[in-house]
Every structure is written in C-alpha cells, then in structure tokens.
Amino acid sequence: MYESICGEHLDVRKFEHHDARMRTTLTLDDDLALQLKEAARSSGESFKDIVNSALRRGLRQAGKPEPSLPRFVVEPKACGFRAGVDLRKLNQLVDDLEMEDLSQELPKTAARR
C-alpha cells in the first residue's frame, strides 16, 4: 500500500545517489576564466569539459620534471704563460706591478706640488 501511495522512487531500499560526481565552487582569475570560456566556445565543448581537461593535463605534467637545458661546459684553453711563471702567484705579480707603477708616479706627483 505504501508503494502505491508514495511511488517506487521513494523506496529507501533502492538508494542511489542522485549525482555521483563531486560538485565544487572554484574561483578563477578573470584572465583564466576568459581563456577557458573562449576555449569552450571555439571547441564547442562545455565549460565543465574544458576545465576538467585542462586540470587533467596540468596534473599529468605536474609530476614530471621540466626538460633541462644542455649542460654548459667550459673548455679550457692554454694561456701561453712562459715557463717559470707560478700561476698560483699571479695576484702577487699584479700587486708588484701596481706598486712599481705607483712608485714611478709618486715622484712625478711630488714634483708638481
């Protein structure tokens, strides 16, 4: 009798969820929403399908590392230093040369005064 009054669709023994997919509210930036709407309009697909497709592509690529650039390799060249030049003391050589220049400049500066 109950089924004849209320109908079979209200029988709790045949419970099925009315919507198996999850619904959520998503706030998009204006420029992104415009791009998604344009993609939906130009493809003829629904906005929902375009968003789902974009999210799937993004999530698939999220775990993959970005392709790296080829490694930069420095190729050494012979500098042509003469035998007997200690490469570890080049800074000392520069200091000695600067002191020599300075010692030549000081007498000229003192003579001008």
N, C-alpha and C. Protein backbone atom coordinates (compact mmCIF):
# COMPACT_ATOMS: atom_id res chain seq x y z
N MET A 1 0.83 -1.19 0.00
CA MET A 1 0.00 0.00 0.00
C MET A 1 0.87 1.25 0.00
N TYR A 2 1.96 1.22 0.78
CA TYR A 2 2.84 2.38 0.87
C TYR A 2 3.41 2.73 -0.50
N GLU A 3 3.82 1.71 -1.28
CA GLU A 3 4.37 1.96 -2.60
C GLU A 3 3.34 2.55 -3.54
N SER A 4 2.13 2.16 -3.42
CA SER A 4 1.11 2.70 -4.32
C SER A 4 0.82 4.16 -4.01
N ILE A 5 1.00 4.60 -2.75
CA ILE A 5 0.73 5.99 -2.39
C ILE A 5 1.94 6.87 -2.74
N CYS A 6 3.15 6.44 -2.33
CA CYS A 6 4.33 7.29 -2.46
C CYS A 6 5.10 7.04 -3.75
N GLY A 7 4.92 5.92 -4.36
CA GLY A 7 5.66 5.61 -5.57
C GLY A 7 6.93 4.85 -5.26
N GLU A 8 7.42 4.12 -6.23
CA GLU A 8 8.59 3.28 -6.03
C GLU A 8 9.86 4.09 -5.86
N HIS A 9 9.94 5.28 -6.43
CA HIS A 9 11.17 6.07 -6.38
C HIS A 9 11.53 6.55 -4.97
N LEU A 10 10.63 6.47 -4.02
CA LEU A 10 10.91 6.88 -2.65
C LEU A 10 11.31 5.71 -1.76
N ASP A 11 11.43 4.53 -2.32
CA ASP A 11 11.79 3.35 -1.53
C ASP A 11 13.26 3.45 -1.13
N VAL A 12 13.55 3.47 0.17
CA VAL A 12 14.91 3.63 0.66
C VAL A 12 15.76 2.40 0.40
N ARG A 13 15.19 1.29 0.14
CA ARG A 13 15.97 0.08 -0.13
C ARG A 13 16.70 0.18 -1.48
N LYS A 14 16.28 1.02 -2.36
CA LYS A 14 16.92 1.19 -3.66
C LYS A 14 17.66 2.53 -3.69
N PHE A 15 18.39 2.81 -2.63
CA PHE A 15 19.06 4.11 -2.52
C PHE A 15 20.18 4.22 -3.56
N GLU A 16 20.12 5.24 -4.33
CA GLU A 16 21.19 5.60 -5.25
C GLU A 16 21.40 7.10 -5.13
N HIS A 17 22.65 7.50 -5.14
CA HIS A 17 22.93 8.94 -5.05
C HIS A 17 22.53 9.60 -6.35
N HIS A 18 21.92 10.74 -6.27
CA HIS A 18 21.41 11.42 -7.46
C HIS A 18 22.53 11.97 -8.34
N ASP A 19 23.71 12.21 -7.75
CA ASP A 19 24.80 12.79 -8.52
C ASP A 19 26.11 12.15 -8.06
N ALA A 20 26.66 11.27 -8.87
CA ALA A 20 27.85 10.54 -8.47
C ALA A 20 29.11 11.40 -8.58
N ARG A 21 29.06 12.51 -9.27
CA ARG A 21 30.23 13.37 -9.43
C ARG A 21 30.25 14.43 -8.34
N MET A 22 31.45 14.89 -8.02
CA MET A 22 31.59 15.90 -6.99
C MET A 22 31.38 17.29 -7.59
N ARG A 23 30.68 18.10 -6.87
CA ARG A 23 30.49 19.50 -7.27
C ARG A 23 31.29 20.36 -6.31
N THR A 24 31.90 21.39 -6.85
CA THR A 24 32.65 22.30 -6.00
C THR A 24 32.60 23.70 -6.61
N THR A 25 32.82 24.68 -5.77
CA THR A 25 32.89 26.05 -6.24
C THR A 25 34.36 26.38 -6.43
N LEU A 26 34.67 26.90 -7.58
CA LEU A 26 36.04 27.21 -7.92
C LEU A 26 36.11 28.68 -8.33
N THR A 27 36.98 29.44 -7.68
CA THR A 27 37.14 30.84 -8.03
C THR A 27 38.34 30.96 -8.96
N LEU A 28 38.10 31.46 -10.17
CA LEU A 28 39.14 31.58 -11.18
C LEU A 28 39.54 33.04 -11.35
N ASP A 29 40.78 33.27 -11.69
CA ASP A 29 41.20 34.62 -12.07
C ASP A 29 40.47 35.00 -13.35
N ASP A 30 40.22 36.29 -13.51
CA ASP A 30 39.44 36.77 -14.66
C ASP A 30 40.06 36.35 -15.99
N ASP A 31 41.39 36.50 -16.10
CA ASP A 31 42.04 36.17 -17.38
C ASP A 31 41.94 34.67 -17.68
N LEU A 32 42.05 33.85 -16.65
CA LEU A 32 41.95 32.41 -16.84
C LEU A 32 40.53 32.00 -17.21
N ALA A 33 39.56 32.58 -16.55
CA ALA A 33 38.15 32.27 -16.86
C ALA A 33 37.83 32.66 -18.31
N LEU A 34 38.37 33.80 -18.75
CA LEU A 34 38.15 34.24 -20.12
C LEU A 34 38.77 33.26 -21.12
N GLN A 35 39.97 32.78 -20.83
CA GLN A 35 40.62 31.81 -21.72
C GLN A 35 39.83 30.50 -21.78
N LEU A 36 39.35 30.05 -20.62
CA LEU A 36 38.57 28.81 -20.60
C LEU A 36 37.25 28.96 -21.35
N LYS A 37 36.59 30.09 -21.17
CA LYS A 37 35.33 30.34 -21.89
C LYS A 37 35.57 30.39 -23.39
N GLU A 38 36.67 31.04 -23.80
CA GLU A 38 36.99 31.13 -25.22
C GLU A 38 37.30 29.74 -25.78
N ALA A 39 38.02 28.93 -25.02
CA ALA A 39 38.32 27.57 -25.47
C ALA A 39 37.04 26.74 -25.61
N ALA A 40 36.12 26.91 -24.68
CA ALA A 40 34.84 26.19 -24.75
C ALA A 40 34.04 26.66 -25.96
N ARG A 41 34.01 27.96 -26.20
CA ARG A 41 33.25 28.50 -27.33
C ARG A 41 33.82 28.02 -28.65
N SER A 42 35.17 28.09 -28.78
CA SER A 42 35.77 27.73 -30.07
C SER A 42 35.74 26.22 -30.33
N SER A 43 35.78 25.40 -29.27
CA SER A 43 35.78 23.95 -29.48
C SER A 43 34.38 23.36 -29.53
N GLY A 44 33.42 24.07 -28.99
CA GLY A 44 32.06 23.54 -28.94
C GLY A 44 31.83 22.63 -27.75
N GLU A 45 32.84 22.44 -26.92
CA GLU A 45 32.69 21.61 -25.72
C GLU A 45 32.12 22.47 -24.59
N SER A 46 31.64 21.80 -23.56
CA SER A 46 31.10 22.54 -22.41
C SER A 46 32.24 23.12 -21.59
N PHE A 47 31.92 24.16 -20.83
CA PHE A 47 32.91 24.79 -19.96
C PHE A 47 33.46 23.78 -18.98
N LYS A 48 32.59 22.93 -18.43
CA LYS A 48 33.00 21.91 -17.47
C LYS A 48 34.01 20.95 -18.10
N ASP A 49 33.75 20.53 -19.34
CA ASP A 49 34.68 19.61 -20.01
C ASP A 49 36.03 20.25 -20.26
N ILE A 50 36.03 21.52 -20.63
CA ILE A 50 37.29 22.24 -20.88
C ILE A 50 38.09 22.35 -19.58
N VAL A 51 37.43 22.71 -18.48
CA VAL A 51 38.12 22.84 -17.18
C VAL A 51 38.68 21.49 -16.75
N ASN A 52 37.87 20.44 -16.84
CA ASN A 52 38.34 19.10 -16.46
C ASN A 52 39.53 18.65 -17.30
N SER A 53 39.47 18.91 -18.58
CA SER A 53 40.56 18.53 -19.48
C SER A 53 41.84 19.29 -19.13
N ALA A 54 41.71 20.59 -18.88
CA ALA A 54 42.89 21.41 -18.54
C ALA A 54 43.49 20.95 -17.21
N LEU A 55 42.66 20.64 -16.24
CA LEU A 55 43.15 20.16 -14.95
C LEU A 55 43.86 18.81 -15.10
N ARG A 56 43.28 17.93 -15.90
CA ARG A 56 43.92 16.62 -16.10
C ARG A 56 45.29 16.77 -16.75
N ARG A 57 45.38 17.61 -17.79
CA ARG A 57 46.67 17.83 -18.45
C ARG A 57 47.68 18.41 -17.46
N GLY A 58 47.26 19.38 -16.68
CA GLY A 58 48.15 20.01 -15.71
C GLY A 58 48.62 19.04 -14.65
N LEU A 59 47.73 18.20 -14.16
CA LEU A 59 48.10 17.23 -13.13
C LEU A 59 49.02 16.15 -13.67
N ARG A 60 48.82 15.76 -14.94
CA ARG A 60 49.72 14.76 -15.53
C ARG A 60 51.14 15.31 -15.64
N GLN A 61 51.26 16.57 -15.97
CA GLN A 61 52.58 17.17 -16.15
C GLN A 61 53.19 17.64 -14.83
N ALA A 62 52.39 17.74 -13.78
CA ALA A 62 52.89 18.26 -12.50
C ALA A 62 53.97 17.37 -11.91
N GLY A 63 53.90 16.08 -12.10
CA GLY A 63 54.88 15.18 -11.52
C GLY A 63 56.13 15.03 -12.36
N LYS A 64 56.10 15.53 -13.59
CA LYS A 64 57.24 15.37 -14.48
C LYS A 64 58.19 16.56 -14.33
N PRO A 65 59.47 16.30 -14.25
CA PRO A 65 60.41 17.43 -14.19
C PRO A 65 60.45 18.15 -15.53
N GLU A 66 60.70 19.44 -15.49
CA GLU A 66 60.80 20.22 -16.71
C GLU A 66 62.07 19.80 -17.45
N PRO A 67 61.99 19.81 -18.77
CA PRO A 67 63.20 19.44 -19.52
C PRO A 67 64.32 20.44 -19.22
N SER A 68 65.48 19.92 -18.94
CA SER A 68 66.58 20.81 -18.59
C SER A 68 67.36 21.19 -19.83
N LEU A 69 68.02 22.32 -19.74
CA LEU A 69 68.86 22.78 -20.83
C LEU A 69 70.13 21.93 -20.86
N PRO A 70 70.75 21.86 -22.02
CA PRO A 70 72.01 21.11 -22.05
C PRO A 70 73.03 21.77 -21.12
N ARG A 71 73.82 20.96 -20.49
CA ARG A 71 74.79 21.45 -19.53
C ARG A 71 75.85 22.30 -20.23
N PHE A 72 76.15 23.44 -19.63
CA PHE A 72 77.18 24.33 -20.16
C PHE A 72 78.54 23.79 -19.75
N VAL A 73 79.40 23.62 -20.71
CA VAL A 73 80.72 23.07 -20.45
C VAL A 73 81.77 24.11 -20.80
N VAL A 74 82.67 24.36 -19.87
CA VAL A 74 83.77 25.29 -20.12
C VAL A 74 84.93 24.50 -20.70
N GLU A 75 85.39 24.95 -21.85
CA GLU A 75 86.52 24.28 -22.48
C GLU A 75 87.77 25.10 -22.19
N PRO A 76 88.73 24.54 -21.47
CA PRO A 76 89.93 25.29 -21.13
C PRO A 76 90.82 25.51 -22.35
N LYS A 77 91.53 26.63 -22.33
CA LYS A 77 92.48 26.94 -23.39
C LYS A 77 93.83 27.18 -22.76
N ALA A 78 94.86 26.88 -23.48
CA ALA A 78 96.21 27.16 -23.00
C ALA A 78 96.39 28.68 -22.96
N CYS A 79 96.93 29.19 -21.85
CA CYS A 79 97.10 30.63 -21.68
C CYS A 79 98.42 31.14 -22.25
N GLY A 80 99.31 30.26 -22.49
CA GLY A 80 100.57 30.68 -23.08
C GLY A 80 101.52 31.34 -22.10
N PHE A 81 101.45 31.01 -20.82
CA PHE A 81 102.39 31.57 -19.84
C PHE A 81 103.78 31.00 -20.10
N ARG A 82 104.73 31.83 -19.85
CA ARG A 82 106.12 31.39 -20.02
C ARG A 82 106.51 30.42 -18.91
N ALA A 83 107.45 29.62 -19.21
CA ALA A 83 107.96 28.68 -18.22
C ALA A 83 108.52 29.46 -17.03
N GLY A 84 108.27 29.00 -15.85
CA GLY A 84 108.77 29.66 -14.66
C GLY A 84 107.76 30.57 -14.00
N VAL A 85 106.62 30.89 -14.66
CA VAL A 85 105.58 31.72 -14.06
C VAL A 85 104.72 30.82 -13.19
N ASP A 86 104.67 31.15 -11.91
CA ASP A 86 103.86 30.36 -10.98
C ASP A 86 102.43 30.90 -11.02
N LEU A 87 101.53 30.12 -11.57
CA LEU A 87 100.14 30.57 -11.75
C LEU A 87 99.45 30.86 -10.43
N ARG A 88 99.93 30.26 -9.35
CA ARG A 88 99.32 30.50 -8.04
C ARG A 88 99.71 31.86 -7.48
N LYS A 89 100.69 32.51 -8.09
CA LYS A 89 101.16 33.79 -7.57
C LYS A 89 100.86 34.94 -8.52
N LEU A 90 99.86 34.78 -9.38
CA LEU A 90 99.52 35.85 -10.31
C LEU A 90 99.03 37.11 -9.59
N ASN A 91 98.29 36.95 -8.52
CA ASN A 91 97.83 38.13 -7.77
C ASN A 91 99.02 38.89 -7.20
N GLN A 92 100.01 38.16 -6.74
CA GLN A 92 101.21 38.82 -6.22
C GLN A 92 101.92 39.58 -7.33
N LEU A 93 101.95 39.02 -8.54
CA LEU A 93 102.56 39.69 -9.68
C LEU A 93 101.83 40.98 -9.99
N VAL A 94 100.50 40.95 -9.99
CA VAL A 94 99.71 42.15 -10.24
C VAL A 94 100.00 43.19 -9.16
N ASP A 95 100.05 42.77 -7.92
CA ASP A 95 100.37 43.71 -6.83
C ASP A 95 101.75 44.34 -7.03
N ASP A 96 102.74 43.53 -7.41
CA ASP A 96 104.10 44.04 -7.62
C ASP A 96 104.12 45.06 -8.76
N LEU A 97 103.38 44.77 -9.84
CA LEU A 97 103.34 45.70 -10.97
C LEU A 97 102.65 47.01 -10.59
N GLU A 98 101.58 46.92 -9.79
CA GLU A 98 100.90 48.14 -9.34
C GLU A 98 101.81 48.97 -8.44
N MET A 99 102.56 48.30 -7.58
CA MET A 99 103.48 49.04 -6.70
C MET A 99 104.58 49.71 -7.52
N GLU A 100 105.04 49.04 -8.55
CA GLU A 100 106.06 49.63 -9.42
C GLU A 100 105.53 50.87 -10.11
N ASP A 101 104.28 50.79 -10.64
CA ASP A 101 103.67 51.95 -11.27
C ASP A 101 103.48 53.09 -10.27
N LEU A 102 103.04 52.73 -9.07
CA LEU A 102 102.81 53.74 -8.04
C LEU A 102 104.12 54.42 -7.63
N SER A 103 105.18 53.62 -7.53
CA SER A 103 106.47 54.21 -7.13
C SER A 103 106.99 55.15 -8.22
N GLN A 104 106.64 54.92 -9.47
CA GLN A 104 107.06 55.82 -10.54
C GLN A 104 106.19 57.08 -10.57
N GLU A 105 104.92 56.95 -10.17
CA GLU A 105 104.00 58.09 -10.18
C GLU A 105 104.24 59.03 -9.01
N LEU A 106 104.65 58.52 -7.85
CA LEU A 106 104.82 59.35 -6.66
C LEU A 106 105.83 60.48 -6.86
N PRO A 107 107.02 60.23 -7.42
CA PRO A 107 107.95 61.35 -7.61
C PRO A 107 107.39 62.42 -8.55
N LYS A 108 106.63 62.01 -9.58
CA LYS A 108 106.03 62.99 -10.51
C LYS A 108 105.00 63.84 -9.78
N THR A 109 104.19 63.24 -8.94
CA THR A 109 103.16 63.96 -8.20
C THR A 109 103.81 64.92 -7.21
N ALA A 110 104.85 64.46 -6.54
CA ALA A 110 105.53 65.31 -5.56
C ALA A 110 106.22 66.49 -6.23
N ALA A 111 106.73 66.33 -7.44
CA ALA A 111 107.41 67.40 -8.15
C ALA A 111 106.42 68.48 -8.59
N ARG A 112 105.18 68.11 -8.87
CA ARG A 112 104.15 69.07 -9.30
C ARG A 112 103.76 70.00 -8.17
N ARG A 113 103.88 69.56 -6.96
CA ARG A 113 103.43 70.36 -5.82
C ARG A 113 104.43 71.37 -5.53
